[in-house]
Amino acid sequence: MAREPVFLPADWSAPANVSAAVTTRVGGVSEPPFDSFNLARHVGDAPGAVAENRRRLVEALGLPAEPAWLEQVHGTRVADLDCGAPGRADACVSRGAGRVCAVLTADCLPVLFCDRAGSVVAAAHAGWRGLVGGVLEATVAAMGVPAEDVLAWLGPAIGPASFEVGSEVRDAFLERDGAASECFRPGRGDRWWADLYALARLRLAAAGVGRVSGGGFDTVADAGRFFSYRRDGRTGRMASLIWSTGI
């Protein structure tokens, strides 16, 4: 018998009319190396398997609609789902009930947002390029509410013990904010271990967001639950989703 999809809850103090969840790799029909709950169409998985996994996602979570799947490009554009199809973007925002914000990841950091009143929700895909470019700041700005009213939750991403980068990555962050030096520790040779979660918290703080939850995952180290591009190369993608019930 096929296993049911397994989800991670977002452990934050979101208002009751906001729902959020993150998929794991468990509970789908995709064959290796996409086993089994891959939700991305662009990775080489069988289209029929992805379609069935997406159907299972909607059914298992009781989603009010199909998620608004983005064409993610490691940029900073934020799609407004209230204004039509999302297109090429790395974040999305909605102020209405029944629209499901979603991002796909397999090491990059998914960040879910809402405000304290539950009047607006958003999701962002933040790899290191997006963080440097300002995708989190752009998402907060697109929400259109005071930053001090925004709540953020950091989902499963590559952990600081697995994310080794070149000096050019560290330099890019330090050029933007010298405080980012605290988010790196020396690696092998001229390389550095980067803490993506700490970098995200730094960028959110700079944007005025102080209520940040989540973090502490490592997609590379947890092969049983998570897809990881760095670990496996050819692999699937998890989805991080948020929506408002409007109640």
C-alpha atoms as a PDB file:
ATOM      1  CA  MET A   1       0.000   0.000   0.000  1.00  0.00           C
ATOM      2  CA  ALA A   2       1.314   3.453  -0.923  1.00  0.00           C
ATOM      3  CA  ARG A   3       2.271   5.663   1.979  1.00  0.00           C
ATOM      4  CA  GLU A   4       0.391   8.861   2.678  1.00  0.00           C
ATOM      5  CA  PRO A   5       2.236  12.137   2.162  1.00  0.00           C
ATOM      6  CA  VAL A   6       4.165  13.304   5.207  1.00  0.00           C
ATOM      7  CA  PHE A   7       4.203  17.028   6.008  1.00  0.00           C
ATOM      8  CA  LEU A   8       6.088  19.292   8.364  1.00  0.00           C
ATOM      9  CA  PRO A   9       3.980  21.828  10.248  1.00  0.00           C
ATOM     10  CA  ALA A  10       5.199  25.406  10.488  1.00  0.00           C
ATOM     11  CA  ASP A  11       5.877  25.900  14.205  1.00  0.00           C
ATOM     12  CA  TRP A  12       5.038  29.577  14.580  1.00  0.00           C
ATOM     13  CA  SER A  13       2.379  31.806  16.103  1.00  0.00           C
ATOM     14  CA  ALA A  14       0.439  32.532  12.917  1.00  0.00           C
ATOM     15  CA  PRO A  15      -3.204  33.626  13.295  1.00  0.00           C
ATOM     16  CA  ALA A  16      -5.889  30.956  13.098  1.00  0.00           C
ATOM     17  CA  ASN A  17      -6.967  31.886   9.574  1.00  0.00           C
ATOM     18  CA  VAL A  18      -3.507  31.163   8.143  1.00  0.00           C
ATOM     19  CA  SER A  19      -2.477  27.614   7.235  1.00  0.00           C
ATOM     20  CA  ALA A  20       1.015  26.471   6.257  1.00  0.00           C
ATOM     21  CA  ALA A  21       2.836  23.221   5.567  1.00  0.00           C
ATOM     22  CA  VAL A  22       6.007  21.838   4.034  1.00  0.00           C
ATOM     23  CA  THR A  23       6.178  18.577   2.129  1.00  0.00           C
ATOM     24  CA  THR A  24       8.831  15.924   2.633  1.00  0.00           C
ATOM     25  CA  ARG A  25      10.000  13.414   0.055  1.00  0.00           C
ATOM     26  CA  VAL A  26       7.668  10.768   1.541  1.00  0.00           C
ATOM     27  CA  GLY A  27       4.276   9.741   0.183  1.00  0.00           C
ATOM     28  CA  GLY A  28       4.360  10.070  -3.580  1.00  0.00           C
ATOM     29  CA  VAL A  29       4.622   7.883  -6.670  1.00  0.00           C
ATOM     30  CA  SER A  30       7.829   9.118  -8.325  1.00  0.00           C
ATOM     31  CA  GLU A  31      10.587   6.623  -9.052  1.00  0.00           C
ATOM     32  CA  PRO A  32      14.248   7.088  -8.044  1.00  0.00           C
ATOM     33  CA  PRO A  33      16.041   9.456  -8.033  1.00  0.00           C
ATOM     34  CA  PHE A  34      12.836  11.481  -7.514  1.00  0.00           C
ATOM     35  CA  ASP A  35      11.385   9.120  -4.926  1.00  0.00           C
ATOM     36  CA  SER A  36       8.820   9.668  -4.033  1.00  0.00           C
ATOM     37  CA  PHE A  37       6.885  12.894  -3.432  1.00  0.00           C
ATOM     38  CA  ASN A  38       8.545  15.143  -6.007  1.00  0.00           C
ATOM     39  CA  LEU A  39       6.441  18.178  -6.924  1.00  0.00           C
ATOM     40  CA  ALA A  40       8.640  19.787  -9.594  1.00  0.00           C
ATOM     41  CA  ARG A  41       8.058  19.410 -13.320  1.00  0.00           C
ATOM     42  CA  HIS A  42      11.426  20.793 -14.413  1.00  0.00           C
ATOM     43  CA  VAL A  43      13.768  18.168 -12.897  1.00  0.00           C
ATOM     44  CA  GLY A  44      13.235  15.307 -15.377  1.00  0.00           C
ATOM     45  CA  ASP A  45      10.635  13.311 -13.452  1.00  0.00           C
ATOM     46  CA  ALA A  46       7.800  11.573 -15.320  1.00  0.00           C
ATOM     47  CA  PRO A  47       5.041  14.164 -15.923  1.00  0.00           C
ATOM     48  CA  GLY A  48       2.345  11.700 -14.875  1.00  0.00           C
ATOM     49  CA  ALA A  49       4.055  11.063 -11.556  1.00  0.00           C
ATOM     50  CA  VAL A  50       4.368  14.774 -10.833  1.00  0.00           C
ATOM     51  CA  ALA A  51       0.716  15.306 -11.720  1.00  0.00           C
ATOM     52  CA  GLU A  52      -0.332  12.523  -9.341  1.00  0.00           C
ATOM     53  CA  ASN A  53       1.898  13.905  -6.574  1.00  0.00           C
ATOM     54  CA  ARG A  54       0.367  17.354  -7.013  1.00  0.00           C
ATOM     55  CA  ARG A  55      -3.116  15.819  -6.887  1.00  0.00           C
ATOM     56  CA  ARG A  56      -2.198  14.051  -3.652  1.00  0.00           C
ATOM     57  CA  LEU A  57      -0.869  17.307  -2.239  1.00  0.00           C
ATOM     58  CA  VAL A  58      -4.121  19.170  -2.848  1.00  0.00           C
ATOM     59  CA  GLU A  59      -6.183  16.292  -1.472  1.00  0.00           C
ATOM     60  CA  ALA A  60      -4.089  15.578   1.623  1.00  0.00           C
ATOM     61  CA  LEU A  61      -3.961  19.208   2.757  1.00  0.00           C
ATOM     62  CA  GLY A  62      -7.484  20.049   1.648  1.00  0.00           C
ATOM     63  CA  LEU A  63      -6.131  23.004  -0.314  1.00  0.00           C
ATOM     64  CA  PRO A  64      -8.682  25.519  -1.560  1.00  0.00           C
ATOM     65  CA  ALA A  65      -6.956  25.617  -4.963  1.00  0.00           C
ATOM     66  CA  GLU A  66      -3.961  24.337  -6.901  1.00  0.00           C
ATOM     67  CA  PRO A  67      -0.826  26.047  -5.577  1.00  0.00           C
ATOM     68  CA  ALA A  68       0.483  28.938  -7.660  1.00  0.00           C
ATOM     69  CA  TRP A  69       3.617  27.268  -9.007  1.00  0.00           C
ATOM     70  CA  LEU A  70       6.356  29.780  -9.838  1.00  0.00           C
ATOM     71  CA  GLU A  71       9.050  29.604 -12.483  1.00  0.00           C
ATOM     72  CA  GLN A  72      11.896  30.175 -10.028  1.00  0.00           C
ATOM     73  CA  VAL A  73      15.054  31.826 -11.354  1.00  0.00           C
ATOM     74  CA  HIS A  74      17.056  32.769  -8.203  1.00  0.00           C
ATOM     75  CA  GLY A  75      15.931  36.367  -8.558  1.00  0.00           C
ATOM     76  CA  THR A  76      14.017  38.851  -6.433  1.00  0.00           C
ATOM     77  CA  ARG A  77      10.717  39.351  -8.274  1.00  0.00           C
ATOM     78  CA  VAL A  78       7.607  38.927  -6.123  1.00  0.00           C
ATOM     79  CA  ALA A  79       4.453  37.811  -7.949  1.00  0.00           C
ATOM     80  CA  ASP A  80       1.129  39.216  -6.759  1.00  0.00           C
ATOM     81  CA  LEU A  81      -1.296  36.290  -7.009  1.00  0.00           C
ATOM     82  CA  ASP A  82      -4.255  38.646  -6.756  1.00  0.00           C
ATOM     83  CA  CYS A  83      -3.278  40.062 -10.153  1.00  0.00           C
ATOM     84  CA  GLY A  84      -3.067  36.880 -12.244  1.00  0.00           C
ATOM     85  CA  ALA A  85      -0.610  34.116 -13.142  1.00  0.00           C
ATOM     86  CA  PRO A  86       2.704  34.273 -11.252  1.00  0.00           C
ATOM     87  CA  GLY A  87       5.179  33.609 -14.095  1.00  0.00           C
ATOM     88  CA  ARG A  88       8.919  33.982 -13.470  1.00  0.00           C
ATOM     89  CA  ALA A  89       9.381  34.909  -9.818  1.00  0.00           C
ATOM     90  CA  ASP A  90      11.010  33.692  -6.629  1.00  0.00           C
ATOM     91  CA  ALA A  91       8.331  34.843  -4.225  1.00  0.00           C
ATOM     92  CA  CYS A  92       4.592  35.387  -4.229  1.00  0.00           C
ATOM     93  CA  VAL A  93       2.054  37.222  -2.121  1.00  0.00           C
ATOM     94  CA  SER A  94      -1.726  37.112  -1.702  1.00  0.00           C
ATOM     95  CA  ARG A  95      -4.248  39.117   0.294  1.00  0.00           C
ATOM     96  CA  GLY A  96      -7.256  37.009  -0.595  1.00  0.00           C
ATOM     97  CA  ALA A  97      -8.621  33.722   0.666  1.00  0.00           C
ATOM     98  CA  GLY A  98      -8.292  30.633  -1.489  1.00  0.00           C
ATOM     99  CA  ARG A  99      -4.951  31.405  -3.156  1.00  0.00           C
ATOM    100  CA  VAL A 100      -2.053  29.137  -2.208  1.00  0.00           C
ATOM    101  CA  CYS A 101       1.447  30.627  -2.203  1.00  0.00           C
ATOM    102  CA  ALA A 102       4.143  28.022  -2.840  1.00  0.00           C
ATOM    103  CA  VAL A 103       7.866  27.676  -3.483  1.00  0.00           C
ATOM    104  CA  LEU A 104       9.890  24.599  -4.433  1.00  0.00           C
ATOM    105  CA  THR A 105      13.258  23.842  -2.841  1.00  0.00           C
ATOM    106  CA  ALA A 106      15.925  21.168  -2.427  1.00  0.00           C
ATOM    107  CA  ASP A 107      18.596  22.999  -0.335  1.00  0.00           C
ATOM    108  CA  CYS A 108      17.619  26.630  -0.899  1.00  0.00           C
ATOM    109  CA  LEU A 109      15.724  28.256   1.951  1.00  0.00           C
ATOM    110  CA  PRO A 110      11.919  28.505   1.830  1.00  0.00           C
ATOM    111  CA  VAL A 111      10.519  31.369   3.900  1.00  0.00           C
ATOM    112  CA  LEU A 112       6.818  31.696   4.712  1.00  0.00           C
ATOM    113  CA  PHE A 113       5.276  35.003   5.778  1.00  0.00           C
ATOM    114  CA  CYS A 114       2.052  36.386   7.166  1.00  0.00           C
ATOM    115  CA  ASP A 115       1.016  39.405   9.176  1.00  0.00           C
ATOM    116  CA  ARG A 116      -0.384  39.297  12.692  1.00  0.00           C
ATOM    117  CA  ALA A 117      -3.921  39.919  11.431  1.00  0.00           C
ATOM    118  CA  GLY A 118      -3.756  37.187   8.796  1.00  0.00           C
ATOM    119  CA  SER A 119      -4.639  39.698   6.093  1.00  0.00           C
ATOM    120  CA  VAL A 120      -1.727  38.811   3.805  1.00  0.00           C
ATOM    121  CA  VAL A 121       0.438  35.722   3.202  1.00  0.00           C
ATOM    122  CA  ALA A 122       3.604  35.204   1.181  1.00  0.00           C
ATOM    123  CA  ALA A 123       6.271  32.649   0.336  1.00  0.00           C
ATOM    124  CA  ALA A 124       9.847  33.188  -0.843  1.00  0.00           C
ATOM    125  CA  HIS A 125      12.568  30.988  -2.353  1.00  0.00           C
ATOM    126  CA  ALA A 126      15.919  32.155  -0.997  1.00  0.00           C
ATOM    127  CA  GLY A 127      19.182  30.641  -2.092  1.00  0.00           C
ATOM    128  CA  TRP A 128      22.318  32.644  -1.439  1.00  0.00           C
ATOM    129  CA  ARG A 129      21.874  34.676  -4.630  1.00  0.00           C
ATOM    130  CA  GLY A 130      18.332  35.593  -3.678  1.00  0.00           C
ATOM    131  CA  LEU A 131      19.391  36.549  -0.165  1.00  0.00           C
ATOM    132  CA  VAL A 132      22.164  38.811  -1.455  1.00  0.00           C
ATOM    133  CA  GLY A 133      19.836  40.280  -4.051  1.00  0.00           C
ATOM    134  CA  GLY A 134      17.154  41.113  -1.499  1.00  0.00           C
ATOM    135  CA  VAL A 135      14.334  38.661  -2.191  1.00  0.00           C
ATOM    136  CA  LEU A 136      13.261  38.635   1.462  1.00  0.00           C
ATOM    137  CA  GLU A 137      13.206  42.416   1.693  1.00  0.00           C
ATOM    138  CA  ALA A 138      11.253  42.568  -1.568  1.00  0.00           C
ATOM    139  CA  THR A 139       8.710  40.092  -0.220  1.00  0.00           C
ATOM    140  CA  VAL A 140       8.200  42.040   2.988  1.00  0.00           C
ATOM    141  CA  ALA A 141       7.741  45.236   0.967  1.00  0.00           C
ATOM    142  CA  ALA A 142       5.231  43.549  -1.355  1.00  0.00           C
ATOM    143  CA  MET A 143       3.087  42.486   1.611  1.00  0.00           C
ATOM    144  CA  GLY A 144       2.180  46.125   2.136  1.00  0.00           C
ATOM    145  CA  VAL A 145       1.954  46.009   5.929  1.00  0.00           C
ATOM    146  CA  PRO A 146       4.320  47.415   8.595  1.00  0.00           C
ATOM    147  CA  ALA A 147       7.392  45.193   8.903  1.00  0.00           C
ATOM    148  CA  GLU A 148       6.904  44.975  12.673  1.00  0.00           C
ATOM    149  CA  ASP A 149       3.587  43.201  12.013  1.00  0.00           C
ATOM    150  CA  VAL A 150       5.196  40.517   9.831  1.00  0.00           C
ATOM    151  CA  LEU A 151       5.873  36.958  11.004  1.00  0.00           C
ATOM    152  CA  ALA A 152       8.346  34.746   9.143  1.00  0.00           C
ATOM    153  CA  TRP A 153       9.061  31.024   9.305  1.00  0.00           C
ATOM    154  CA  LEU A 154      12.251  29.434   7.949  1.00  0.00           C
ATOM    155  CA  GLY A 155      11.734  26.014   6.407  1.00  0.00           C
ATOM    156  CA  PRO A 156      14.095  23.122   5.588  1.00  0.00           C
ATOM    157  CA  ALA A 157      17.310  24.162   3.848  1.00  0.00           C
ATOM    158  CA  ILE A 158      20.951  23.200   3.687  1.00  0.00           C
ATOM    159  CA  GLY A 159      22.465  23.471   7.154  1.00  0.00           C
ATOM    160  CA  PRO A 160      25.609  25.317   8.261  1.00  0.00           C
ATOM    161  CA  ALA A 161      27.532  22.053   8.624  1.00  0.00           C
ATOM    162  CA  SER A 162      26.873  21.188   4.952  1.00  0.00           C
ATOM    163  CA  PHE A 163      26.974  24.509   3.092  1.00  0.00           C
ATOM    164  CA  GLU A 164      30.563  25.118   2.015  1.00  0.00           C
ATOM    165  CA  VAL A 165      30.993  28.078  -0.336  1.00  0.00           C
ATOM    166  CA  GLY A 166      33.737  30.014  -2.075  1.00  0.00           C
ATOM    167  CA  SER A 167      35.084  33.328  -0.868  1.00  0.00           C
ATOM    168  CA  GLU A 168      33.092  35.126  -3.563  1.00  0.00           C
ATOM    169  CA  VAL A 169      29.865  34.184  -1.771  1.00  0.00           C
ATOM    170  CA  ARG A 170      31.098  35.513   1.557  1.00  0.00           C
ATOM    171  CA  ASP A 171      32.395  38.675  -0.113  1.00  0.00           C
ATOM    172  CA  ALA A 172      29.010  39.302  -1.743  1.00  0.00           C
ATOM    173  CA  PHE A 173      27.255  39.222   1.645  1.00  0.00           C
ATOM    174  CA  LEU A 174      29.896  41.343   3.368  1.00  0.00           C
ATOM    175  CA  GLU A 175      29.630  43.990   0.674  1.00  0.00           C
ATOM    176  CA  ARG A 176      25.980  44.326   1.593  1.00  0.00           C
ATOM    177  CA  ASP A 177      26.336  44.057   5.374  1.00  0.00           C
ATOM    178  CA  GLY A 178      29.561  43.657   7.328  1.00  0.00           C
ATOM    179  CA  ALA A 179      27.644  41.907  10.102  1.00  0.00           C
ATOM    180  CA  ALA A 180      27.331  38.916   7.777  1.00  0.00           C
ATOM    181  CA  SER A 181      30.863  37.912   8.775  1.00  0.00           C
ATOM    182  CA  GLU A 182      29.311  36.287  11.846  1.00  0.00           C
ATOM    183  CA  CYS A 183      27.400  33.911   9.555  1.00  0.00           C
ATOM    184  CA  PHE A 184      30.541  32.285   8.113  1.00  0.00           C
ATOM    185  CA  ARG A 185      33.293  30.134   9.591  1.00  0.00           C
ATOM    186  CA  PRO A 186      36.520  29.033   7.882  1.00  0.00           C
ATOM    187  CA  GLY A 187      36.305  25.912   5.741  1.00  0.00           C
ATOM    188  CA  ARG A 188      38.889  24.002   3.769  1.00  0.00           C
ATOM    189  CA  GLY A 189      41.523  26.095   2.033  1.00  0.00           C
ATOM    190  CA  ASP A 190      39.995  29.390   0.917  1.00  0.00           C
ATOM    191  CA  ARG A 191      36.429  28.161   1.378  1.00  0.00           C
ATOM    192  CA  TRP A 192      33.854  28.970   4.055  1.00  0.00           C
ATOM    193  CA  TRP A 193      30.983  27.262   5.863  1.00  0.00           C
ATOM    194  CA  ALA A 194      27.895  29.455   5.485  1.00  0.00           C
ATOM    195  CA  ASP A 195      24.858  29.590   7.771  1.00  0.00           C
ATOM    196  CA  LEU A 196      21.939  30.264   5.442  1.00  0.00           C
ATOM    197  CA  TYR A 197      19.522  30.554   8.357  1.00  0.00           C
ATOM    198  CA  ALA A 198      21.628  33.176  10.127  1.00  0.00           C
ATOM    199  CA  LEU A 199      22.010  35.113   6.889  1.00  0.00           C
ATOM    200  CA  ALA A 200      18.244  35.082   6.386  1.00  0.00           C
ATOM    201  CA  ARG A 201      17.618  36.282   9.937  1.00  0.00           C
ATOM    202  CA  LEU A 202      20.114  39.094   9.353  1.00  0.00           C
ATOM    203  CA  ARG A 203      18.352  40.198   6.161  1.00  0.00           C
ATOM    204  CA  LEU A 204      14.925  40.001   7.826  1.00  0.00           C
ATOM    205  CA  ALA A 205      16.128  42.041  10.773  1.00  0.00           C
ATOM    206  CA  ALA A 206      17.456  44.664   8.373  1.00  0.00           C
ATOM    207  CA  ALA A 207      13.984  44.771   6.810  1.00  0.00           C
ATOM    208  CA  GLY A 208      12.415  45.347  10.225  1.00  0.00           C
ATOM    209  CA  VAL A 209      11.081  41.818  10.774  1.00  0.00           C
ATOM    210  CA  GLY A 210      11.786  40.658  14.306  1.00  0.00           C
ATOM    211  CA  ARG A 211       9.384  37.750  14.713  1.00  0.00           C
ATOM    212  CA  VAL A 212      11.217  34.903  12.956  1.00  0.00           C
ATOM    213  CA  SER A 213      10.657  31.203  13.722  1.00  0.00           C
ATOM    214  CA  GLY A 214      11.858  27.916  12.291  1.00  0.00           C
ATOM    215  CA  GLY A 215      15.280  26.919  11.045  1.00  0.00           C
ATOM    216  CA  GLY A 216      17.501  24.173  12.388  1.00  0.00           C
ATOM    217  CA  PHE A 217      17.056  21.741   9.488  1.00  0.00           C
ATOM    218  CA  ASP A 218      19.714  20.310   7.170  1.00  0.00           C
ATOM    219  CA  THR A 219      18.382  18.941   3.896  1.00  0.00           C
ATOM    220  CA  VAL A 220      21.769  17.486   2.955  1.00  0.00           C
ATOM    221  CA  ALA A 221      22.131  15.467   6.154  1.00  0.00           C
ATOM    222  CA  ASP A 222      18.520  14.212   6.303  1.00  0.00           C
ATOM    223  CA  ALA A 223      18.154  12.009   3.228  1.00  0.00           C
ATOM    224  CA  GLY A 224      15.167  10.178   4.691  1.00  0.00           C
ATOM    225  CA  ARG A 225      12.956  13.263   4.718  1.00  0.00           C
ATOM    226  CA  PHE A 226      14.404  15.757   2.261  1.00  0.00           C
ATOM    227  CA  PHE A 227      15.539  16.099  -1.319  1.00  0.00           C
ATOM    228  CA  SER A 228      18.974  17.733  -1.662  1.00  0.00           C
ATOM    229  CA  TYR A 229      20.486  18.983  -4.896  1.00  0.00           C
ATOM    230  CA  ARG A 230      23.931  19.328  -3.332  1.00  0.00           C
ATOM    231  CA  ARG A 231      23.855  15.780  -1.995  1.00  0.00           C
ATOM    232  CA  ASP A 232      22.306  13.982  -4.972  1.00  0.00           C
ATOM    233  CA  GLY A 233      22.414  16.266  -8.017  1.00  0.00           C
ATOM    234  CA  ARG A 234      19.476  14.812  -9.918  1.00  0.00           C
ATOM    235  CA  THR A 235      16.636  14.852  -7.426  1.00  0.00           C
ATOM    236  CA  GLY A 236      13.136  16.091  -6.630  1.00  0.00           C
ATOM    237  CA  ARG A 237      11.804  19.179  -4.894  1.00  0.00           C
ATOM    238  CA  MET A 238       9.765  19.820  -1.745  1.00  0.00           C
ATOM    239  CA  ALA A 239       7.045  22.453  -1.562  1.00  0.00           C
ATOM    240  CA  SER A 240       6.500  25.050   1.162  1.00  0.00           C
ATOM    241  CA  LEU A 241       2.949  26.383   1.109  1.00  0.00           C
ATOM    242  CA  ILE A 242       0.872  29.032   2.855  1.00  0.00           C
ATOM    243  CA  TRP A 243      -2.690  30.190   2.381  1.00  0.00           C
ATOM    244  CA  SER A 244      -5.458  32.085   4.121  1.00  0.00           C
ATOM    245  CA  THR A 245      -8.901  30.694   4.859  1.00  0.00           C
ATOM    246  CA  GLY A 246     -10.281  34.221   5.121  1.00  0.00           C
ATOM    247  CA  ILE A 247     -12.162  33.338   8.312  1.00  0.00           C
END
